[in-house]
Protein backbone atom coordinates (compact mmCIF):
# COMPACT_ATOMS: atom_id res chain seq x y z
CA MET A 1 -16.08 -14.48 6.19
CA ASN A 2 -16.80 -12.09 3.39
CA TYR A 3 -14.40 -10.34 0.89
CA PHE A 4 -14.47 -7.11 2.48
CA GLN A 5 -13.71 -8.51 5.85
CA SER A 6 -10.85 -10.94 4.49
CA PHE A 7 -9.35 -8.02 2.61
CA SER A 8 -9.69 -5.51 5.39
CA ILE A 9 -7.94 -7.63 7.87
CA VAL A 10 -5.35 -8.93 5.60
CA PHE A 11 -4.47 -5.73 3.91
CA GLY A 12 -4.64 -3.66 7.40
CA LEU A 13 -1.94 -6.35 8.89
CA LEU A 14 0.38 -6.01 5.78
CA MET A 15 0.20 -2.14 6.19
CA VAL A 16 1.28 -2.61 10.01
CA GLY A 17 3.74 -5.30 9.40
CA VAL A 18 5.48 -3.44 6.89
CA ARG A 19 5.92 -0.47 8.70
CA LEU A 20 7.37 -2.30 11.58
CA LEU A 21 10.11 -3.75 9.08
CA ILE A 22 11.11 -0.22 7.94
CA HIS A 23 11.64 0.62 11.44
CA LEU A 24 13.11 -2.50 12.95
CA ILE A 25 15.65 -2.87 9.95
CA PRO A 26 16.22 0.64 8.64
CA GLU A 27 19.60 0.18 6.68
CA LYS A 28 18.43 -3.16 5.30
CA TRP A 29 15.11 -1.80 4.29
CA ASN A 30 16.78 0.95 2.59
CA ASP A 31 19.10 -1.06 0.61
CA PHE A 32 16.41 -3.17 -0.40
CA GLU A 33 14.09 -0.31 -1.72
CA LEU A 34 16.96 1.54 -3.21
CA ASN A 35 18.99 -1.30 -4.91
CA HIS A 36 16.39 -4.01 -5.52
CA ALA A 37 12.89 -2.81 -5.54
CA TYR A 38 13.28 0.70 -7.33
CA THR A 39 16.63 0.53 -9.15
CA GLN A 40 17.94 3.09 -11.29
CA LYS A 41 16.10 1.54 -14.25
CA ARG A 42 12.40 0.64 -13.76
CA PRO A 43 12.18 -3.17 -13.06
CA LEU A 44 9.98 -5.34 -15.16
CA TRP A 45 8.27 -6.49 -11.95
CA ILE A 46 6.64 -3.26 -11.48
CA TRP A 47 4.36 -3.72 -14.63
CA PHE A 48 3.17 -7.00 -13.38
CA VAL A 49 2.39 -5.58 -10.11
CA ALA A 50 0.61 -2.71 -11.28
CA ILE A 51 -1.64 -4.89 -13.56
CA ILE A 52 -2.43 -7.01 -10.47
CA GLY A 53 -3.17 -3.89 -8.33
CA ILE A 54 -5.57 -2.43 -11.12
CA VAL A 55 -7.36 -5.95 -11.19
CA VAL A 56 -7.69 -5.92 -7.32
CA VAL A 57 -9.12 -2.49 -7.55
CA GLY A 58 -11.63 -3.62 -10.31
CA VAL A 59 -12.83 -6.82 -7.94
CA THR A 60 -13.11 -4.68 -5.23
CA TRP A 61 -15.56 -1.94 -7.15
CA TYR A 62 -17.52 -5.03 -8.43
CA MET A 63 -17.74 -6.55 -4.95
CA GLU A 64 -18.71 -2.99 -4.02
CA LEU A 65 -21.61 -2.77 -6.49
CA THR A 66 -22.60 -6.30 -6.21
CA SER A 67 -22.65 -7.19 -2.51
CA ASP A 68 -24.40 -5.80 0.53
CA VAL A 69 -21.81 -5.20 2.88
CA ARG A 70 -22.09 -2.21 5.23
CA PHE A 71 -19.35 0.23 5.12
CA SER A 72 -17.77 -1.44 2.22
CA ILE A 73 -17.31 1.70 0.66
CA ILE A 74 -14.44 2.73 3.18
CA LEU A 75 -12.22 -0.41 2.17
CA THR A 76 -13.21 0.35 -1.54
CA LEU A 77 -11.90 3.89 -1.45
CA VAL A 78 -8.76 3.06 0.46
CA ILE A 79 -8.07 0.43 -2.03
CA THR A 80 -8.80 2.80 -4.96
CA SER A 81 -6.31 5.32 -3.40
CA THR A 82 -3.26 2.76 -4.09
CA LEU A 83 -3.69 3.56 -7.89
CA ILE A 84 -2.08 7.23 -6.94
CA LYS A 85 1.09 5.03 -6.35
CA VAL A 86 0.72 2.39 -9.22
CA SER A 87 0.54 5.56 -11.31
CA GLN A 88 3.73 7.27 -9.90
CA VAL A 89 5.48 4.44 -10.33
CA LEU A 90 4.10 3.33 -13.79
CA PHE A 91 4.28 6.96 -15.54
CA ASN A 92 6.33 9.02 -13.09
CA TYR A 93 9.23 6.48 -12.22
CA ASP A 94 12.22 8.79 -12.11
CA ASN A 95 10.57 11.15 -9.55
CA PHE A 96 9.04 8.54 -7.72
CA ARG A 97 12.26 6.99 -7.02
CA LYS A 98 13.93 10.41 -5.92
CA PHE A 99 11.09 10.96 -3.64
CA VAL A 100 11.61 7.17 -2.12
CA LYS A 101 15.52 7.99 -1.80
CA LYS A 102 14.68 11.66 -0.05
CA ALA A 103 12.26 9.91 2.35
CA LEU A 104 14.49 6.93 3.17
CA ILE A 105 17.98 8.90 3.11
CA ASP A 106 17.95 12.74 3.23
CA ASP A 107 14.70 13.46 5.42
CA ARG A 108 13.48 10.58 7.52
CA SER A 109 10.77 12.56 8.78
CA ILE A 110 8.89 11.94 5.77
CA ILE A 111 9.27 8.21 5.99
CA VAL A 112 8.07 8.66 9.75
CA LYS A 113 4.78 10.63 8.87
CA ILE A 114 4.07 8.19 5.98
CA ASN A 115 4.26 5.04 8.49
CA ILE A 116 2.50 6.83 11.21
CA ALA A 117 -0.62 7.39 8.75
CA THR A 118 -0.40 3.81 7.45
CA THR A 119 -0.07 2.22 10.71
CA VAL A 120 -3.22 3.96 11.91
CA LEU A 121 -5.03 3.22 8.80
CA GLY A 122 -3.68 -0.37 8.97
CA ILE A 123 -5.13 -0.72 12.64
CA ALA A 124 -8.36 0.73 11.58
CA LEU A 125 -8.67 -1.49 8.33
CA VAL A 126 -8.11 -4.49 11.09
CA LEU A 127 -10.77 -3.31 13.44
CA LEU A 128 -13.25 -2.63 10.57
CA GLY A 129 -12.75 -6.20 9.32
CA ILE A 130 -13.08 -7.52 12.78
CA PHE A 131 -15.77 -5.75 14.04
CA VAL A 132 -18.08 -4.26 11.16
CA TYR A 133 -17.77 -6.46 8.29
């Protein structure tokens, strides 16, 4: 099993699994995100996770450029797009937290749309990992 196959399947399953949790335990999930994960003051763990995210993107690009795996650019671009969230959480934390609160409490249709798109992408990544990579 190569890097892209493994990563695609694991990342895809994680994307789908988290979405299921958000809908199966919405009150507990809201409490977790608003009172533990994204507290009023930016938690220190965010910096560590951001650094890990940046390293993962770098490793993925390294693997993209040094290996010959068909369609690996798809996963590489998906992983690179996670830097959008990383940058928002790091450099625009207060507005990011306001958005999370709005999506989880004020207008659940936002989280539903995000979850649908993420679930479809997650399933596509799992299928990509199983049948293409």
